[in-house]
Amino acid sequence: MNQAKREVPGFAELLQRFERTVSVLGRSQSTFQNYSRHVAAVSLHFGKIPTELDPEQIHDYLFYLQKKSKSPSQSYFKHTVYGLRFLLKSEGLSYDFLSLPEIKKEKKLPVVLSKQEVWLMLSGCKLLKHKILIGILYGCGLRCMEVRNLRLCDLDFDRKQLKVVQGKGKKDRYLPLSEHLIRGLKKYIEAEKPEDYLFGEPRGNRAGGEFDSRYSQRGVQWAVKQASKTAKILKEVSVHTLRHSFATHLLEDGMDILSIKNLLGHESIDTTLVYLQIAQLSTQKLFSPLDTLFEECRSK
């Protein structure tokens, strides 16, 4: 977005108006950031703000995206269209020509780590901050936005729980804290002395002006990627992988699916049911016939 502010005339002013509208309508900051990234991409592509484009140009852009990626993700198209529709509507312009492209939804199962892989990630962290970050992402199943928004006042060590304030869907929820995590959190707080946000930046580190003192999204993502790299994990690991692993491991440890739904903050149980396809729940572990083939035939 900063590049668009510098290079596209009128974009900075448009973004300010857009942010005000999003805020007045009660949408979250993450919604604004998400839509703004897509609006900025359109602006940089044409060198002008979207409100100066005609419908044909916008359709050309969507076609360009489709051609460029060959297999466009449903999520990227959806947020591009939604972001543009929201922007045009907020500026009092027609947006009826913008409809969501029909893209076949890919039914991919989420990547899940084994407990050993999570252990290796935690053990390999050199910085205490990163170890606690990964511990809380996995141990509480938090989304990236939720861990960034955690404040010291959200922690309740006596009741062994933390409060997720206004998570996705603008709903609060409580999550249990592991004794191991509580010990680590106390050690981290004593050493780092965060002032407001648990993973924040002290105000003394910036000179003047307002700034977002939370740990950046890229910072969280980098810490997770670095930990998986150090642990030599070959799977594609993201922040959300730890959340998927949290849910799957709880299911395998015997927790019921409805309780897991509530811990994850899912609106619908259908979203949570995907973990039934991943978790190894049968009393008899599944195996390949190659195992018995080798056992039976090697001895002959």
Protein backbone atom coordinates (compact mmCIF):
# COMPACT_ATOMS: atom_id res chain seq x y z
CA MET A 1 0.00 0.00 0.00
CA ASN A 2 2.87 2.37 0.71
CA GLN A 3 4.07 2.00 -2.87
CA ALA A 4 0.61 2.91 -4.17
CA LYS A 5 0.57 5.96 -1.88
CA ARG A 6 3.86 7.12 -3.36
CA GLU A 7 3.26 6.32 -7.01
CA VAL A 8 -0.47 6.64 -7.69
CA PRO A 9 -1.95 10.18 -7.63
CA GLY A 10 -4.89 10.47 -5.24
CA PHE A 11 -4.48 7.02 -3.71
CA ALA A 12 -3.50 8.25 -0.22
CA GLU A 13 -6.59 10.48 -0.02
CA LEU A 14 -8.82 7.71 -1.36
CA LEU A 15 -7.44 5.30 1.24
CA GLN A 16 -8.19 7.75 4.06
CA ARG A 17 -11.81 8.08 2.95
CA PHE A 18 -12.06 4.33 2.53
CA GLU A 19 -10.76 3.70 6.05
CA ARG A 20 -13.28 6.14 7.53
CA THR A 21 -16.15 4.41 5.72
CA VAL A 22 -15.03 0.95 6.81
CA SER A 23 -14.75 2.15 10.41
CA VAL A 24 -18.14 3.92 10.44
CA LEU A 25 -19.84 0.80 9.08
CA GLY A 26 -18.35 -1.27 11.89
CA ARG A 27 -16.06 -3.42 9.78
CA SER A 28 -12.83 -4.67 11.33
CA GLN A 29 -9.35 -3.28 10.76
CA SER A 30 -8.32 -6.58 9.20
CA THR A 31 -11.14 -6.21 6.63
CA PHE A 32 -9.86 -2.73 5.76
CA GLN A 33 -6.28 -3.98 5.42
CA ASN A 34 -7.37 -6.92 3.28
CA TYR A 35 -9.52 -4.88 0.90
CA SER A 36 -6.92 -2.11 0.73
CA ARG A 37 -4.18 -4.50 -0.42
CA HIS A 38 -6.31 -5.56 -3.37
CA VAL A 39 -7.34 -1.99 -4.17
CA ALA A 40 -3.66 -0.97 -4.06
CA ALA A 41 -2.75 -3.79 -6.47
CA VAL A 42 -5.36 -2.57 -8.97
CA SER A 43 -4.12 1.02 -8.60
CA LEU A 44 -0.49 0.06 -9.20
CA HIS A 45 -1.44 -2.03 -12.23
CA PHE A 46 -3.10 0.92 -13.99
CA GLY A 47 -1.21 3.80 -12.37
CA LYS A 48 -4.50 5.38 -11.34
CA ILE A 49 -7.09 4.90 -8.61
CA PRO A 50 -9.96 2.44 -9.27
CA THR A 51 -12.59 5.19 -9.17
CA GLU A 52 -11.07 6.55 -12.40
CA LEU A 53 -11.37 3.21 -14.21
CA ASP A 54 -14.27 2.13 -16.40
CA PRO A 55 -15.96 -1.29 -16.05
CA GLU A 56 -14.11 -2.68 -19.07
CA GLN A 57 -10.73 -1.87 -17.53
CA ILE A 58 -11.66 -3.58 -14.27
CA HIS A 59 -12.88 -6.66 -16.15
CA ASP A 60 -9.61 -6.63 -18.09
CA TYR A 61 -7.74 -6.63 -14.78
CA LEU A 62 -9.66 -9.64 -13.49
CA PHE A 63 -8.99 -11.43 -16.77
CA TYR A 64 -5.30 -10.50 -16.45
CA LEU A 65 -5.19 -12.06 -12.98
CA GLN A 66 -6.83 -15.20 -14.25
CA LYS A 67 -4.42 -15.50 -17.16
CA LYS A 68 -1.36 -14.70 -15.05
CA SER A 69 -2.03 -17.27 -12.34
CA LYS A 70 -3.59 -19.96 -14.62
CA SER A 71 -5.34 -21.40 -11.56
CA PRO A 72 -6.63 -18.35 -9.67
CA SER A 73 -7.48 -18.90 -6.03
CA GLN A 74 -11.07 -18.43 -5.02
CA SER A 75 -9.98 -16.33 -2.04
CA TYR A 76 -7.88 -13.85 -4.08
CA PHE A 77 -10.63 -13.27 -6.65
CA LYS A 78 -13.29 -12.98 -3.97
CA HIS A 79 -11.43 -10.34 -1.99
CA THR A 80 -10.44 -8.42 -5.12
CA VAL A 81 -14.08 -8.20 -6.20
CA TYR A 82 -15.40 -7.51 -2.69
CA GLY A 83 -12.76 -4.84 -2.10
CA LEU A 84 -13.54 -3.05 -5.35
CA ARG A 85 -17.31 -3.28 -4.79
CA PHE A 86 -16.98 -1.89 -1.28
CA LEU A 87 -14.74 0.94 -2.46
CA LEU A 88 -16.96 1.97 -5.37
CA LYS A 89 -20.06 1.84 -3.19
CA SER A 90 -18.39 4.00 -0.52
CA GLU A 91 -17.54 6.57 -3.21
CA GLY A 92 -21.15 6.63 -4.46
CA LEU A 93 -20.28 4.96 -7.78
CA SER A 94 -21.96 2.10 -9.63
CA TYR A 95 -20.64 -1.34 -8.79
CA ASP A 96 -23.35 -3.64 -10.20
CA PHE A 97 -21.08 -4.67 -13.07
CA LEU A 98 -18.75 -6.37 -10.59
CA SER A 99 -19.80 -9.91 -9.81
CA LEU A 100 -17.84 -12.69 -8.18
CA PRO A 101 -16.22 -14.92 -10.82
CA GLU A 102 -17.31 -18.55 -10.73
CA ILE A 103 -14.26 -20.46 -9.56
CA LYS A 104 -14.45 -24.08 -8.59
CA LYS A 105 -13.57 -24.40 -4.94
CA GLU A 106 -10.57 -26.62 -4.28
CA LYS A 107 -11.21 -29.19 -1.60
CA LYS A 108 -7.76 -29.36 -0.06
CA LEU A 109 -7.19 -30.80 3.37
CA PRO A 110 -5.13 -28.58 5.68
CA VAL A 111 -1.47 -29.32 6.42
CA VAL A 112 -1.04 -30.72 9.93
CA LEU A 113 2.17 -31.22 11.91
CA SER A 114 2.92 -34.19 14.12
CA LYS A 115 3.48 -33.53 17.81
CA GLN A 116 7.16 -34.34 17.28
CA GLU A 117 7.40 -31.66 14.58
CA VAL A 118 5.78 -29.06 16.86
CA TRP A 119 8.24 -30.08 19.59
CA LEU A 120 11.17 -29.60 17.21
CA MET A 121 9.91 -26.14 16.26
CA LEU A 122 9.64 -25.11 19.90
CA SER A 123 13.00 -26.64 20.84
CA GLY A 124 14.80 -24.96 17.96
CA CYS A 125 13.74 -21.38 18.75
CA LYS A 126 16.70 -19.26 19.81
CA LEU A 127 14.61 -16.30 20.97
CA LEU A 128 12.29 -16.68 23.95
CA LYS A 129 9.78 -14.39 22.22
CA HIS A 130 9.55 -16.74 19.23
CA LYS A 131 9.24 -19.81 21.45
CA ILE A 132 6.34 -18.27 23.38
CA LEU A 133 4.75 -17.01 20.16
CA ILE A 134 4.75 -20.47 18.60
CA GLY A 135 3.73 -22.04 21.90
CA ILE A 136 0.66 -19.83 22.17
CA LEU A 137 -0.27 -20.22 18.48
CA TYR A 138 -0.22 -23.99 18.84
CA GLY A 139 -1.28 -24.30 22.47
CA CYS A 140 -4.34 -22.06 22.03
CA GLY A 141 -5.04 -22.47 18.31
CA LEU A 142 -4.99 -18.74 17.62
CA ARG A 143 -5.25 -16.99 14.27
CA CYS A 144 -2.45 -14.60 13.29
CA MET A 145 -4.65 -11.55 13.92
CA GLU A 146 -5.68 -12.90 17.32
CA VAL A 147 -2.15 -13.47 18.59
CA ARG A 148 -1.13 -10.00 17.39
CA ASN A 149 -4.06 -8.45 19.27
CA LEU A 150 -3.33 -10.21 22.58
CA ARG A 151 -2.88 -7.79 25.47
CA LEU A 152 -1.42 -8.43 28.89
CA CYS A 153 -4.86 -7.84 30.41
CA ASP A 154 -6.21 -10.78 28.37
CA LEU A 155 -4.09 -13.24 30.37
CA ASP A 156 -5.52 -14.78 33.55
CA PHE A 157 -2.88 -16.99 35.14
CA ASP A 158 -4.99 -17.72 38.24
CA ARG A 159 -7.83 -19.17 36.17
CA LYS A 160 -5.37 -20.57 33.61
CA GLN A 161 -7.04 -19.00 30.62
CA LEU A 162 -6.72 -16.21 28.09
CA LYS A 163 -9.41 -14.09 26.49
CA VAL A 164 -9.57 -13.60 22.74
CA VAL A 165 -11.23 -10.21 22.28
CA GLN A 166 -13.23 -9.63 19.13
CA GLY A 167 -11.81 -12.51 17.14
CA LYS A 168 -13.05 -13.36 13.67
CA GLY A 169 -16.80 -12.75 13.57
CA LYS A 170 -16.34 -10.14 16.35
CA LYS A 171 -16.91 -12.70 19.09
CA ASP A 172 -15.00 -13.00 22.36
CA ARG A 173 -13.99 -16.41 23.67
CA TYR A 174 -11.91 -17.92 26.47
CA LEU A 175 -9.17 -20.50 25.92
CA PRO A 176 -7.35 -22.70 28.46
CA LEU A 177 -3.68 -22.01 29.15
CA SER A 178 -1.27 -24.89 29.65
CA GLU A 179 0.82 -24.89 32.83
CA HIS A 180 3.91 -25.13 30.61
CA LEU A 181 2.80 -22.06 28.66
CA ILE A 182 2.03 -20.10 31.83
CA ARG A 183 5.57 -20.69 33.12
CA GLY A 184 7.00 -19.58 29.78
CA LEU A 185 4.75 -16.52 29.63
CA LYS A 186 5.79 -15.38 33.09
CA LYS A 187 9.45 -15.76 32.15
CA TYR A 188 8.89 -13.89 28.87
CA ILE A 189 6.98 -11.02 30.53
CA GLU A 190 9.69 -10.66 33.17
CA ALA A 191 12.44 -10.56 30.55
CA GLU A 192 10.80 -8.51 27.78
CA LYS A 193 8.53 -6.29 29.91
CA PRO A 194 5.82 -5.70 27.26
CA GLU A 195 3.76 -2.59 28.03
CA ASP A 196 0.39 -3.29 26.44
CA TYR A 197 0.33 -5.90 23.69
CA LEU A 198 1.84 -9.23 24.70
CA PHE A 199 3.99 -9.28 21.56
CA GLY A 200 4.25 -5.53 21.20
CA GLU A 201 7.00 -3.04 20.61
CA PRO A 202 7.85 -0.61 23.43
CA ARG A 203 6.82 2.94 22.58
CA GLY A 204 10.30 4.13 23.39
CA ASN A 205 11.54 2.38 20.25
CA ARG A 206 9.75 4.88 18.00
CA ALA A 207 10.17 8.63 17.96
CA GLY A 208 6.96 10.69 17.89
CA GLY A 209 3.70 10.13 16.06
CA GLU A 210 1.19 7.32 16.29
CA PHE A 211 2.22 3.82 15.31
CA ASP A 212 0.91 0.28 15.53
CA SER A 213 2.79 -1.20 18.49
CA ARG A 214 1.64 -4.75 17.76
CA TYR A 215 3.96 -7.41 16.37
CA SER A 216 3.61 -7.16 12.59
CA GLN A 217 1.87 -9.85 10.56
CA ARG A 218 5.05 -10.42 8.59
CA GLY A 219 7.02 -10.72 11.82
CA VAL A 220 4.73 -13.47 13.09
CA GLN A 221 4.86 -15.28 9.75
CA TRP A 222 8.64 -15.01 9.60
CA ALA A 223 9.07 -16.43 13.12
CA VAL A 224 6.94 -19.47 12.25
CA LYS A 225 8.71 -20.04 8.93
CA GLN A 226 12.12 -19.71 10.55
CA ALA A 227 11.21 -22.19 13.29
CA SER A 228 9.97 -24.76 10.75
CA LYS A 229 13.14 -24.26 8.71
CA THR A 230 15.35 -24.78 11.77
CA ALA A 231 13.37 -27.92 12.62
CA LYS A 232 13.99 -29.15 9.04
CA ILE A 233 10.29 -29.72 8.42
CA LEU A 234 9.61 -30.36 4.75
CA LYS A 235 5.90 -29.53 4.92
CA GLU A 236 4.66 -26.08 3.89
CA VAL A 237 4.23 -24.53 7.34
CA SER A 238 2.28 -21.32 8.00
CA VAL A 239 0.80 -19.68 11.08
CA HIS A 240 -2.50 -21.41 10.35
CA THR A 241 -0.74 -24.80 10.22
CA LEU A 242 -0.25 -24.54 13.98
CA ARG A 243 -3.98 -23.84 14.39
CA HIS A 244 -4.84 -26.88 12.26
CA SER A 245 -2.43 -28.98 14.33
CA PHE A 246 -4.01 -27.72 17.57
CA ALA A 247 -7.47 -28.87 16.46
CA THR A 248 -6.30 -32.20 15.06
CA HIS A 249 -4.23 -33.12 18.11
CA LEU A 250 -7.11 -32.26 20.47
CA LEU A 251 -9.40 -34.51 18.45
CA GLU A 252 -6.85 -37.33 18.56
CA ASP A 253 -6.45 -36.80 22.32
CA GLY A 254 -10.19 -37.41 22.82
CA MET A 255 -11.83 -33.97 22.88
CA ASP A 256 -15.27 -33.83 21.26
CA ILE A 257 -15.75 -31.93 18.01
CA LEU A 258 -18.23 -29.39 19.45
CA SER A 259 -15.78 -28.30 22.15
CA ILE A 260 -13.06 -27.91 19.51
CA LYS A 261 -15.45 -25.79 17.40
CA ASN A 262 -15.95 -23.45 20.35
CA LEU A 263 -12.22 -23.23 21.10
CA LEU A 264 -11.48 -22.37 17.46
CA GLY A 265 -14.27 -19.77 17.37
CA HIS A 266 -15.88 -21.31 14.28
CA GLU A 267 -19.29 -19.99 13.29
CA SER A 268 -20.38 -23.33 11.80
CA ILE A 269 -19.62 -26.89 12.87
CA ASP A 270 -19.12 -27.72 9.17
CA THR A 271 -15.83 -25.80 9.25
CA THR A 272 -14.60 -27.90 12.15
CA LEU A 273 -15.67 -31.25 10.69
CA VAL A 274 -12.74 -31.17 8.24
CA TYR A 275 -10.47 -32.31 11.10
CA LEU A 276 -12.34 -35.62 11.25
CA GLN A 277 -10.82 -36.38 7.86
CA ILE A 278 -7.30 -35.76 9.14
CA ALA A 279 -7.22 -37.06 12.70
CA GLN A 280 -6.23 -40.67 13.30
CA LEU A 281 -9.19 -41.71 15.43
CA SER A 282 -9.64 -45.42 14.78
CA THR A 283 -8.71 -47.78 17.60
CA GLN A 284 -6.67 -49.75 15.09
CA LYS A 285 -4.11 -47.61 13.29
CA LEU A 286 -4.37 -47.70 9.51
CA PHE A 287 -1.50 -49.37 7.69
CA SER A 288 -0.32 -50.23 4.21
CA PRO A 289 -0.41 -53.80 2.84
CA LEU A 290 3.29 -53.32 2.04
CA ASP A 291 3.99 -53.63 5.76
CA THR A 292 2.51 -57.12 6.00
CA LEU A 293 3.90 -58.07 2.59
CA PHE A 294 7.47 -57.41 3.75
CA GLU A 295 6.90 -59.18 7.06
CA GLU A 296 5.43 -62.29 5.44
CA CYS A 297 7.59 -62.56 2.33
CA ARG A 298 11.02 -61.66 3.74
CA SER A 299 11.01 -64.75 5.92
CA LYS A 300 10.35 -67.09 2.96
